[in-house]
Amino acid sequence: MEILGLSLAIVIIIFFIFKNKKSNERNLKTLVKKTFPKHIIIEKFGTVMICEINHRNEPDELVFIRINPNRKKNINQNGRRLNAEYPAIPTARELKTDFSKHLR
């Protein structure tokens, strides 16, 4: 009986470990879509762009987000566009704090 209870506990622990790993492997595009639902999100060549539709019905890029594990967090502004590089996938809270002033 003790062996059955112990093996059941080990199986449950392994299940939770695998479940947490799968939830951490989320896609950057879906995270940005959930964080900024009013904007249009486009992914090209490993870059996620947050866009608005302008008066000519064309996407106007506001923010470029790249994941580069070899560099530290870097956010700079070029004209109307904001370029952001992160070493890993950022959290929704981090995205909101970094882009809140730019995406009003």
PDB file of N, CA and C in Angstrom:
ATOM      1  N   MET A   1       0.819  -1.190   0.000  1.00  0.00           N
ATOM      2  CA  MET A   1       0.000   0.000   0.000  1.00  0.00           C
ATOM      3  C   MET A   1       0.868   1.261   0.000  1.00  0.00           C
ATOM      4  N   GLU A   2       1.950   1.204   0.772  1.00  0.00           N
ATOM      5  CA  GLU A   2       2.843   2.356   0.826  1.00  0.00           C
ATOM      6  C   GLU A   2       3.531   2.591  -0.517  1.00  0.00           C
ATOM      7  N   ILE A   3       3.866   1.517  -1.203  1.00  0.00           N
ATOM      8  CA  ILE A   3       4.525   1.630  -2.503  1.00  0.00           C
ATOM      9  C   ILE A   3       3.574   2.249  -3.522  1.00  0.00           C
ATOM     10  N   LEU A   4       2.319   1.873  -3.470  1.00  0.00           N
ATOM     11  CA  LEU A   4       1.317   2.428  -4.378  1.00  0.00           C
ATOM     12  C   LEU A   4       1.142   3.925  -4.142  1.00  0.00           C
ATOM     13  N   GLY A   5       1.067   4.342  -2.904  1.00  0.00           N
ATOM     14  CA  GLY A   5       0.932   5.764  -2.574  1.00  0.00           C
ATOM     15  C   GLY A   5       2.162   6.559  -2.992  1.00  0.00           C
ATOM     16  N   LEU A   6       3.331   5.985  -2.781  1.00  0.00           N
ATOM     17  CA  LEU A   6       4.578   6.646  -3.166  1.00  0.00           C
ATOM     18  C   LEU A   6       4.695   6.778  -4.682  1.00  0.00           C
ATOM     19  N   SER A   7       4.342   5.731  -5.416  1.00  0.00           N
ATOM     20  CA  SER A   7       4.412   5.802  -6.876  1.00  0.00           C
ATOM     21  C   SER A   7       3.378   6.777  -7.426  1.00  0.00           C
ATOM     22  N   LEU A   8       2.218   6.855  -6.819  1.00  0.00           N
ATOM     23  CA  LEU A   8       1.195   7.820  -7.241  1.00  0.00           C
ATOM     24  C   LEU A   8       1.680   9.249  -7.004  1.00  0.00           C
ATOM     25  N   ALA A   9       2.342   9.510  -5.903  1.00  0.00           N
ATOM     26  CA  ALA A   9       2.884  10.838  -5.616  1.00  0.00           C
ATOM     27  C   ALA A   9       3.970  11.214  -6.620  1.00  0.00           C
ATOM     28  N   ILE A  10       4.807  10.267  -6.989  1.00  0.00           N
ATOM     29  CA  ILE A  10       5.868  10.535  -7.969  1.00  0.00           C
ATOM     30  C   ILE A  10       5.263  10.843  -9.332  1.00  0.00           C
ATOM     31  N   VAL A  11       4.238  10.113  -9.736  1.00  0.00           N
ATOM     32  CA  VAL A  11       3.580  10.355 -11.018  1.00  0.00           C
ATOM     33  C   VAL A  11       2.941  11.742 -11.033  1.00  0.00           C
ATOM     34  N   ILE A  12       2.313  12.137  -9.962  1.00  0.00           N
ATOM     35  CA  ILE A  12       1.687  13.463  -9.883  1.00  0.00           C
ATOM     36  C   ILE A  12       2.738  14.560  -9.962  1.00  0.00           C
ATOM     37  N   ILE A  13       3.851  14.397  -9.294  1.00  0.00           N
ATOM     38  CA  ILE A  13       4.931  15.392  -9.327  1.00  0.00           C
ATOM     39  C   ILE A  13       5.497  15.503 -10.740  1.00  0.00           C
ATOM     40  N   ILE A  14       5.720  14.389 -11.405  1.00  0.00           N
ATOM     41  CA  ILE A  14       6.231  14.414 -12.783  1.00  0.00           C
ATOM     42  C   ILE A  14       5.230  15.089 -13.714  1.00  0.00           C
ATOM     43  N   PHE A  15       3.942  14.828 -13.512  1.00  0.00           N
ATOM     44  CA  PHE A  15       2.906  15.459 -14.333  1.00  0.00           C
ATOM     45  C   PHE A  15       2.959  16.979 -14.195  1.00  0.00           C
ATOM     46  N   PHE A  16       3.072  17.491 -12.983  1.00  0.00           N
ATOM     47  CA  PHE A  16       3.120  18.943 -12.779  1.00  0.00           C
ATOM     48  C   PHE A  16       4.394  19.558 -13.354  1.00  0.00           C
ATOM     49  N   ILE A  17       5.498  18.850 -13.296  1.00  0.00           N
ATOM     50  CA  ILE A  17       6.746  19.366 -13.864  1.00  0.00           C
ATOM     51  C   ILE A  17       6.609  19.514 -15.371  1.00  0.00           C
ATOM     52  N   PHE A  18       6.075  18.503 -16.062  1.00  0.00           N
ATOM     53  CA  PHE A  18       5.902  18.588 -17.511  1.00  0.00           C
ATOM     54  C   PHE A  18       4.870  19.637 -17.899  1.00  0.00           C
ATOM     55  N   LYS A  19       3.836  19.796 -17.096  1.00  0.00           N
ATOM     56  CA  LYS A  19       2.807  20.803 -17.382  1.00  0.00           C
ATOM     57  C   LYS A  19       3.397  22.207 -17.283  1.00  0.00           C
ATOM     58  N   ASN A  20       4.234  22.463 -16.307  1.00  0.00           N
ATOM     59  CA  ASN A  20       4.860  23.775 -16.161  1.00  0.00           C
ATOM     60  C   ASN A  20       5.844  24.051 -17.286  1.00  0.00           C
ATOM     61  N   LYS A  21       6.565  23.050 -17.751  1.00  0.00           N
ATOM     62  CA  LYS A  21       7.493  23.253 -18.862  1.00  0.00           C
ATOM     63  C   LYS A  21       6.745  23.631 -20.132  1.00  0.00           C
ATOM     64  N   LYS A  22       5.617  23.000 -20.409  1.00  0.00           N
ATOM     65  CA  LYS A  22       4.852  23.312 -21.614  1.00  0.00           C
ATOM     66  C   LYS A  22       4.247  24.700 -21.534  1.00  0.00           C
ATOM     67  N   SER A  23       3.826  25.150 -20.371  1.00  0.00           N
ATOM     68  CA  SER A  23       3.244  26.490 -20.249  1.00  0.00           C
ATOM     69  C   SER A  23       4.323  27.566 -20.376  1.00  0.00           C
ATOM     70  N   ASN A  24       5.569  27.261 -20.029  1.00  0.00           N
ATOM     71  CA  ASN A  24       6.648  28.236 -20.159  1.00  0.00           C
ATOM     72  C   ASN A  24       7.113  28.382 -21.604  1.00  0.00           C
ATOM     73  N   GLU A  25       6.882  27.364 -22.446  1.00  0.00           N
ATOM     74  CA  GLU A  25       7.310  27.412 -23.838  1.00  0.00           C
ATOM     75  C   GLU A  25       6.230  28.076 -24.692  1.00  0.00           C
ATOM     76  N   ARG A  26       5.850  29.269 -24.356  1.00  0.00           N
ATOM     77  CA  ARG A  26       4.795  29.941 -25.109  1.00  0.00           C
ATOM     78  C   ARG A  26       5.403  30.741 -26.255  1.00  0.00           C
ATOM     79  N   ASN A  27       4.562  31.104 -27.158  1.00  0.00           N
ATOM     80  CA  ASN A  27       4.978  31.815 -28.345  1.00  0.00           C
ATOM     81  C   ASN A  27       4.940  33.314 -28.059  1.00  0.00           C
ATOM     82  N   LEU A  28       5.933  34.039 -28.543  1.00  0.00           N
ATOM     83  CA  LEU A  28       6.000  35.483 -28.316  1.00  0.00           C
ATOM     84  C   LEU A  28       4.839  36.192 -28.999  1.00  0.00           C
ATOM     85  N   LYS A  29       4.475  35.739 -30.191  1.00  0.00           N
ATOM     86  CA  LYS A  29       3.390  36.393 -30.929  1.00  0.00           C
ATOM     87  C   LYS A  29       2.065  36.284 -30.178  1.00  0.00           C
ATOM     88  N   THR A  30       1.753  35.127 -29.632  1.00  0.00           N
ATOM     89  CA  THR A  30       0.495  34.973 -28.899  1.00  0.00           C
ATOM     90  C   THR A  30       0.508  35.777 -27.605  1.00  0.00           C
ATOM     91  N   LEU A  31       1.663  35.862 -26.961  1.00  0.00           N
ATOM     92  CA  LEU A  31       1.773  36.665 -25.750  1.00  0.00           C
ATOM     93  C   LEU A  31       1.522  38.141 -26.048  1.00  0.00           C
ATOM     94  N   VAL A  32       2.105  38.645 -27.133  1.00  0.00           N
ATOM     95  CA  VAL A  32       1.919  40.048 -27.498  1.00  0.00           C
ATOM     96  C   VAL A  32       0.470  40.294 -27.923  1.00  0.00           C
ATOM     97  N   LYS A  33      -0.155  39.337 -28.610  1.00  0.00           N
ATOM     98  CA  LYS A  33      -1.560  39.484 -29.008  1.00  0.00           C
ATOM     99  C   LYS A  33      -2.477  39.581 -27.799  1.00  0.00           C
ATOM    100  N   LYS A  34      -2.209  38.771 -26.778  1.00  0.00           N
ATOM    101  CA  LYS A  34      -3.022  38.815 -25.565  1.00  0.00           C
ATOM    102  C   LYS A  34      -2.765  40.093 -24.771  1.00  0.00           C
ATOM    103  N   THR A  35      -1.555  40.598 -24.821  1.00  0.00           N
ATOM    104  CA  THR A  35      -1.204  41.791 -24.052  1.00  0.00           C
ATOM    105  C   THR A  35      -1.746  43.058 -24.703  1.00  0.00           C
ATOM    106  N   PHE A  36      -1.689  43.139 -26.026  1.00  0.00           N
ATOM    107  CA  PHE A  36      -2.145  44.325 -26.767  1.00  0.00           C
ATOM    108  C   PHE A  36      -3.224  43.934 -27.782  1.00  0.00           C
ATOM    109  N   PRO A  37      -4.453  43.689 -27.338  1.00  0.00           N
ATOM    110  CA  PRO A  37      -5.488  43.210 -28.266  1.00  0.00           C
ATOM    111  C   PRO A  37      -5.983  44.266 -29.255  1.00  0.00           C
ATOM    112  N   LYS A  38      -5.779  45.545 -28.984  1.00  0.00           N
ATOM    113  CA  LYS A  38      -6.256  46.599 -29.885  1.00  0.00           C
ATOM    114  C   LYS A  38      -5.385  46.743 -31.131  1.00  0.00           C
ATOM    115  N   HIS A  39      -4.159  46.279 -31.065  1.00  0.00           N
ATOM    116  CA  HIS A  39      -3.218  46.455 -32.162  1.00  0.00           C
ATOM    117  C   HIS A  39      -3.126  45.197 -33.018  1.00  0.00           C
ATOM    118  N   ILE A  40      -2.597  45.352 -34.204  1.00  0.00           N
ATOM    119  CA  ILE A  40      -2.375  44.233 -35.109  1.00  0.00           C
ATOM    120  C   ILE A  40      -0.947  43.737 -34.905  1.00  0.00           C
ATOM    121  N   ILE A  41      -0.796  42.413 -34.777  1.00  0.00           N
ATOM    122  CA  ILE A  41       0.506  41.809 -34.511  1.00  0.00           C
ATOM    123  C   ILE A  41       0.925  41.017 -35.753  1.00  0.00           C
ATOM    124  N   ILE A  42       2.126  41.309 -36.256  1.00  0.00           N
ATOM    125  CA  ILE A  42       2.672  40.636 -37.429  1.00  0.00           C
ATOM    126  C   ILE A  42       4.031  40.052 -37.047  1.00  0.00           C
ATOM    127  N   GLU A  43       4.281  38.816 -37.494  1.00  0.00           N
ATOM    128  CA  GLU A  43       5.579  38.183 -37.235  1.00  0.00           C
ATOM    129  C   GLU A  43       6.273  37.922 -38.564  1.00  0.00           C
ATOM    130  N   LYS A  44       7.479  38.474 -38.720  1.00  0.00           N
ATOM    131  CA  LYS A  44       8.287  38.265 -39.923  1.00  0.00           C
ATOM    132  C   LYS A  44       9.741  38.080 -39.526  1.00  0.00           C
ATOM    133  N   PHE A  45      10.353  37.048 -40.045  1.00  0.00           N
ATOM    134  CA  PHE A  45      11.789  36.805 -39.885  1.00  0.00           C
ATOM    135  C   PHE A  45      12.242  36.831 -38.426  1.00  0.00           C
ATOM    136  N   GLY A  46      11.455  36.263 -37.526  1.00  0.00           N
ATOM    137  CA  GLY A  46      11.828  36.209 -36.126  1.00  0.00           C
ATOM    138  C   GLY A  46      11.593  37.501 -35.366  1.00  0.00           C
ATOM    139  N   THR A  47      10.956  38.476 -36.000  1.00  0.00           N
ATOM    140  CA  THR A  47      10.644  39.752 -35.365  1.00  0.00           C
ATOM    141  C   THR A  47       9.135  39.883 -35.242  1.00  0.00           C
ATOM    142  N   VAL A  48       8.677  40.264 -34.064  1.00  0.00           N
ATOM    143  CA  VAL A  48       7.254  40.508 -33.856  1.00  0.00           C
ATOM    144  C   VAL A  48       7.034  42.011 -33.909  1.00  0.00           C
ATOM    145  N   MET A  49       6.073  42.435 -34.740  1.00  0.00           N
ATOM    146  CA  MET A  49       5.785  43.860 -34.908  1.00  0.00           C
ATOM    147  C   MET A  49       4.398  44.174 -34.358  1.00  0.00           C
ATOM    148  N   ILE A  50       4.305  45.258 -33.602  1.00  0.00           N
ATOM    149  CA  ILE A  50       3.023  45.765 -33.147  1.00  0.00           C
ATOM    150  C   ILE A  50       2.669  46.921 -34.075  1.00  0.00           C
ATOM    151  N   CYS A  51       1.521  46.812 -34.754  1.00  0.00           N
ATOM    152  CA  CYS A  51       1.166  47.764 -35.810  1.00  0.00           C
ATOM    153  C   CYS A  51      -0.202  48.379 -35.565  1.00  0.00           C
ATOM    154  N   GLU A  52      -0.409  49.517 -36.217  1.00  0.00           N
ATOM    155  CA  GLU A  52      -1.715  50.153 -36.335  1.00  0.00           C
ATOM    156  C   GLU A  52      -2.053  50.207 -37.819  1.00  0.00           C
ATOM    157  N   ILE A  53      -3.325  50.292 -38.131  1.00  0.00           N
ATOM    158  CA  ILE A  53      -3.731  50.458 -39.519  1.00  0.00           C
ATOM    159  C   ILE A  53      -3.883  51.956 -39.769  1.00  0.00           C
ATOM    160  N   ASN A  54      -3.184  52.478 -40.788  1.00  0.00           N
ATOM    161  CA  ASN A  54      -3.245  53.912 -41.082  1.00  0.00           C
ATOM    162  C   ASN A  54      -4.426  54.226 -42.007  1.00  0.00           C
ATOM    163  N   HIS A  55      -4.526  55.468 -42.446  1.00  0.00           N
ATOM    164  CA  HIS A  55      -5.667  55.906 -43.246  1.00  0.00           C
ATOM    165  C   HIS A  55      -5.704  55.267 -44.638  1.00  0.00           C
ATOM    166  N   ARG A  56      -4.595  54.705 -45.106  1.00  0.00           N
ATOM    167  CA  ARG A  56      -4.559  54.018 -46.403  1.00  0.00           C
ATOM    168  C   ARG A  56      -4.737  52.511 -46.255  1.00  0.00           C
ATOM    169  N   ASN A  57      -5.172  52.082 -45.078  1.00  0.00           N
ATOM    170  CA  ASN A  57      -5.409  50.674 -44.768  1.00  0.00           C
ATOM    171  C   ASN A  57      -4.126  49.837 -44.884  1.00  0.00           C
ATOM    172  N   GLU A  58      -3.009  50.422 -44.491  1.00  0.00           N
ATOM    173  CA  GLU A  58      -1.716  49.736 -44.478  1.00  0.00           C
ATOM    174  C   GLU A  58      -1.238  49.633 -43.029  1.00  0.00           C
ATOM    175  N   PRO A  59      -0.499  48.579 -42.692  1.00  0.00           N
ATOM    176  CA  PRO A  59       0.022  48.491 -41.320  1.00  0.00           C
ATOM    177  C   PRO A  59       1.153  49.497 -41.088  1.00  0.00           C
ATOM    178  N   ASP A  60       1.051  50.221 -40.003  1.00  0.00           N
ATOM    179  CA  ASP A  60       2.062  51.198 -39.619  1.00  0.00           C
ATOM    180  C   ASP A  60       2.793  50.631 -38.400  1.00  0.00           C
ATOM    181  N   GLU A  61       4.053  50.231 -38.580  1.00  0.00           N
ATOM    182  CA  GLU A  61       4.805  49.570 -37.512  1.00  0.00           C
ATOM    183  C   GLU A  61       5.144  50.557 -36.403  1.00  0.00           C
ATOM    184  N   LEU A  62       4.791  50.183 -35.175  1.00  0.00           N
ATOM    185  CA  LEU A  62       5.084  51.024 -34.020  1.00  0.00           C
ATOM    186  C   LEU A  62       6.216  50.451 -33.175  1.00  0.00           C
ATOM    187  N   VAL A  63       6.224  49.126 -32.991  1.00  0.00           N
ATOM    188  CA  VAL A  63       7.207  48.474 -32.120  1.00  0.00           C
ATOM    189  C   VAL A  63       7.725  47.216 -32.813  1.00  0.00           C
ATOM    190  N   PHE A  64       9.045  47.031 -32.806  1.00  0.00           N
ATOM    191  CA  PHE A  64       9.692  45.796 -33.264  1.00  0.00           C
ATOM    192  C   PHE A  64      10.241  45.092 -32.033  1.00  0.00           C
ATOM    193  N   ILE A  65       9.917  43.811 -31.872  1.00  0.00           N
ATOM    194  CA  ILE A  65      10.400  43.031 -30.730  1.00  0.00           C
ATOM    195  C   ILE A  65      11.214  41.856 -31.264  1.00  0.00           C
ATOM    196  N   ARG A  66      12.441  41.722 -30.773  1.00  0.00           N
ATOM    197  CA  ARG A  66      13.316  40.609 -31.156  1.00  0.00           C
ATOM    198  C   ARG A  66      13.809  39.897 -29.902  1.00  0.00           C
ATOM    199  N   ILE A  67      14.019  38.591 -30.034  1.00  0.00           N
ATOM    200  CA  ILE A  67      14.611  37.805 -28.957  1.00  0.00           C
ATOM    201  C   ILE A  67      16.028  37.452 -29.400  1.00  0.00           C
ATOM    202  N   ASN A  68      17.006  37.930 -28.629  1.00  0.00           N
ATOM    203  CA  ASN A  68      18.415  37.668 -28.918  1.00  0.00           C
ATOM    204  C   ASN A  68      19.089  37.245 -27.611  1.00  0.00           C
ATOM    205  N   PRO A  69      19.330  35.948 -27.417  1.00  0.00           N
ATOM    206  CA  PRO A  69      19.884  35.490 -26.136  1.00  0.00           C
ATOM    207  C   PRO A  69      21.301  35.977 -25.857  1.00  0.00           C
ATOM    208  N   ASN A  70      21.990  36.478 -26.871  1.00  0.00           N
ATOM    209  CA  ASN A  70      23.374  36.915 -26.675  1.00  0.00           C
ATOM    210  C   ASN A  70      23.495  38.354 -26.191  1.00  0.00           C
ATOM    211  N   ARG A  71      22.397  39.092 -26.175  1.00  0.00           N
ATOM    212  CA  ARG A  71      22.441  40.498 -25.755  1.00  0.00           C
ATOM    213  C   ARG A  71      21.518  40.734 -24.578  1.00  0.00           C
ATOM    214  N   LYS A  72      21.789  41.780 -23.828  1.00  0.00           N
ATOM    215  CA  LYS A  72      20.922  42.129 -22.716  1.00  0.00           C
ATOM    216  C   LYS A  72      19.734  42.953 -23.233  1.00  0.00           C
ATOM    217  N   LYS A  73      18.823  43.288 -22.346  1.00  0.00           N
ATOM    218  CA  LYS A  73      17.631  44.035 -22.721  1.00  0.00           C
ATOM    219  C   LYS A  73      18.028  45.409 -23.268  1.00  0.00           C
ATOM    220  N   ASN A  74      17.487  45.737 -24.447  1.00  0.00           N
ATOM    221  CA  ASN A  74      17.829  46.987 -25.107  1.00  0.00           C
ATOM    222  C   ASN A  74      16.573  47.542 -25.770  1.00  0.00           C
ATOM    223  N   ILE A  75      16.191  48.768 -25.396  1.00  0.00           N
ATOM    224  CA  ILE A  75      15.029  49.430 -25.991  1.00  0.00           C
ATOM    225  C   ILE A  75      15.480  50.813 -26.441  1.00  0.00           C
ATOM    226  N   ASN A  76      15.336  51.070 -27.758  1.00  0.00           N
ATOM    227  CA  ASN A  76      15.678  52.396 -28.272  1.00  0.00           C
ATOM    228  C   ASN A  76      14.625  52.836 -29.280  1.00  0.00           C
ATOM    229  N   GLN A  77      14.545  54.135 -29.463  1.00  0.00           N
ATOM    230  CA  GLN A  77      13.525  54.699 -30.332  1.00  0.00           C
ATOM    231  C   GLN A  77      14.172  55.326 -31.561  1.00  0.00           C
ATOM    232  N   ASN A  78      13.650  54.959 -32.734  1.00  0.00           N
ATOM    233  CA  ASN A  78      14.095  55.525 -34.000  1.00  0.00           C
ATOM    234  C   ASN A  78      12.880  56.168 -34.668  1.00  0.00           C
ATOM    235  N   GLY A  79      12.746  57.478 -34.581  1.00  0.00           N
ATOM    236  CA  GLY A  79      11.581  58.142 -35.157  1.00  0.00           C
ATOM    237  C   GLY A  79      10.324  57.740 -34.412  1.00  0.00           C
ATOM    238  N   ARG A  80       9.323  57.259 -35.152  1.00  0.00           N
ATOM    239  CA  ARG A  80       8.083  56.793 -34.531  1.00  0.00           C
ATOM    240  C   ARG A  80       8.189  55.348 -34.064  1.00  0.00           C
ATOM    241  N   ARG A  81       9.205  54.639 -34.486  1.00  0.00           N
ATOM    242  CA  ARG A  81       9.335  53.215 -34.213  1.00  0.00           C
ATOM    243  C   ARG A  81      10.171  52.971 -32.965  1.00  0.00           C
ATOM    244  N   LEU A  82       9.774  51.965 -32.216  1.00  0.00           N
ATOM    245  CA  LEU A  82      10.488  51.554 -31.014  1.00  0.00           C
ATOM    246  C   LEU A  82      11.074  50.168 -31.275  1.00  0.00           C
ATOM    247  N   ASN A  83      12.385  50.015 -31.105  1.00  0.00           N
ATOM    248  CA  ASN A  83      13.058  48.724 -31.275  1.00  0.00           C
ATOM    249  C   ASN A  83      13.377  48.158 -29.900  1.00  0.00           C
ATOM    250  N   ALA A  84      12.932  46.924 -29.657  1.00  0.00           N
ATOM    251  CA  ALA A  84      13.164  46.290 -28.358  1.00  0.00           C
ATOM    252  C   ALA A  84      13.811  44.932 -28.570  1.00  0.00           C
ATOM    253  N   GLU A  85      14.889  44.671 -27.841  1.00  0.00           N
ATOM    254  CA  GLU A  85      15.555  43.368 -27.859  1.00  0.00           C
ATOM    255  C   GLU A  85      15.555  42.819 -26.440  1.00  0.00           C
ATOM    256  N   TYR A  86      15.195  41.546 -26.324  1.00  0.00           N
ATOM    257  CA  TYR A  86      15.157  40.880 -25.027  1.00  0.00           C
ATOM    258  C   TYR A  86      16.014  39.617 -25.097  1.00  0.00           C
ATOM    259  N   PRO A  87      16.659  39.233 -23.981  1.00  0.00           N
ATOM    260  CA  PRO A  87      17.446  37.993 -23.987  1.00  0.00           C
ATOM    261  C   PRO A  87      16.569  36.737 -23.924  1.00  0.00           C
ATOM    262  N   ALA A  88      15.338  36.869 -23.431  1.00  0.00           N
ATOM    263  CA  ALA A  88      14.391  35.750 -23.347  1.00  0.00           C
ATOM    264  C   ALA A  88      12.992  36.319 -23.571  1.00  0.00           C
ATOM    265  N   ILE A  89      12.016  35.457 -23.660  1.00  0.00           N
ATOM    266  CA  ILE A  89      10.641  35.930 -23.871  1.00  0.00           C
ATOM    267  C   ILE A  89      10.203  36.712 -22.636  1.00  0.00           C
ATOM    268  N   PRO A  90       9.811  37.976 -22.810  1.00  0.00           N
ATOM    269  CA  PRO A  90       9.417  38.786 -21.655  1.00  0.00           C
ATOM    270  C   PRO A  90       8.019  38.417 -21.165  1.00  0.00           C
ATOM    271  N   THR A  91       7.702  38.875 -19.975  1.00  0.00           N
ATOM    272  CA  THR A  91       6.366  38.651 -19.431  1.00  0.00           C
ATOM    273  C   THR A  91       5.422  39.734 -19.953  1.00  0.00           C
ATOM    274  N   ALA A  92       4.138  39.494 -19.791  1.00  0.00           N
ATOM    275  CA  ALA A  92       3.145  40.472 -20.235  1.00  0.00           C
ATOM    276  C   ALA A  92       3.281  41.775 -19.452  1.00  0.00           C
ATOM    277  N   ARG A  93       3.576  41.673 -18.185  1.00  0.00           N
ATOM    278  CA  ARG A  93       3.744  42.875 -17.356  1.00  0.00           C
ATOM    279  C   ARG A  93       4.946  43.696 -17.822  1.00  0.00           C
ATOM    280  N   GLU A  94       6.020  43.026 -18.178  1.00  0.00           N
ATOM    281  CA  GLU A  94       7.215  43.723 -18.658  1.00  0.00           C
ATOM    282  C   GLU A  94       6.939  44.424 -19.989  1.00  0.00           C
ATOM    283  N   LEU A  95       6.190  43.762 -20.876  1.00  0.00           N
ATOM    284  CA  LEU A  95       5.838  44.388 -22.150  1.00  0.00           C
ATOM    285  C   LEU A  95       4.976  45.632 -21.928  1.00  0.00           C
ATOM    286  N   LYS A  96       4.016  45.530 -21.027  1.00  0.00           N
ATOM    287  CA  LYS A  96       3.141  46.675 -20.750  1.00  0.00           C
ATOM    288  C   LYS A  96       3.922  47.856 -20.190  1.00  0.00           C
ATOM    289  N   THR A  97       4.842  47.594 -19.276  1.00  0.00           N
ATOM    290  CA  THR A  97       5.605  48.702 -18.699  1.00  0.00           C
ATOM    291  C   THR A  97       6.564  49.316 -19.709  1.00  0.00           C
ATOM    292  N   ASP A  98       7.137  48.481 -20.588  1.00  0.00           N
ATOM    293  CA  ASP A  98       8.094  49.000 -21.566  1.00  0.00           C
ATOM    294  C   ASP A  98       7.433  49.797 -22.677  1.00  0.00           C
ATOM    295  N   PHE A  99       6.229  49.407 -23.100  1.00  0.00           N
ATOM    296  CA  PHE A  99       5.598  50.032 -24.250  1.00  0.00           C
ATOM    297  C   PHE A  99       4.388  50.897 -23.925  1.00  0.00           C
ATOM    298  N   SER A 100       4.072  51.093 -22.645  1.00  0.00           N
ATOM    299  CA  SER A 100       2.847  51.819 -22.289  1.00  0.00           C
ATOM    300  C   SER A 100       2.845  53.262 -22.770  1.00  0.00           C
ATOM    301  N   LYS A 101       3.960  53.950 -22.665  1.00  0.00           N
ATOM    302  CA  LYS A 101       4.016  55.352 -23.112  1.00  0.00           C
ATOM    303  C   LYS A 101       3.956  55.462 -24.638  1.00  0.00           C
ATOM    304  N   HIS A 102       4.507  54.480 -25.319  1.00  0.00           N
ATOM    305  CA  HIS A 102       4.595  54.547 -26.781  1.00  0.00           C
ATOM    306  C   HIS A 102       3.302  54.131 -27.483  1.00  0.00           C
ATOM    307  N   LEU A 103       2.514  53.250 -26.851  1.00  0.00           N
ATOM    308  CA  LEU A 103       1.314  52.710 -27.497  1.00  0.00           C
ATOM    309  C   LEU A 103       0.025  53.321 -26.945  1.00  0.00           C
ATOM    310  N   ARG A 104      -0.011  54.591 -26.706  1.00  0.00           N
ATOM    311  CA  ARG A 104      -1.244  55.224 -26.221  1.00  0.00           C
ATOM    312  C   ARG A 104      -2.209  55.455 -27.319  1.00  0.00           C
TER     313      ARG A 104
END
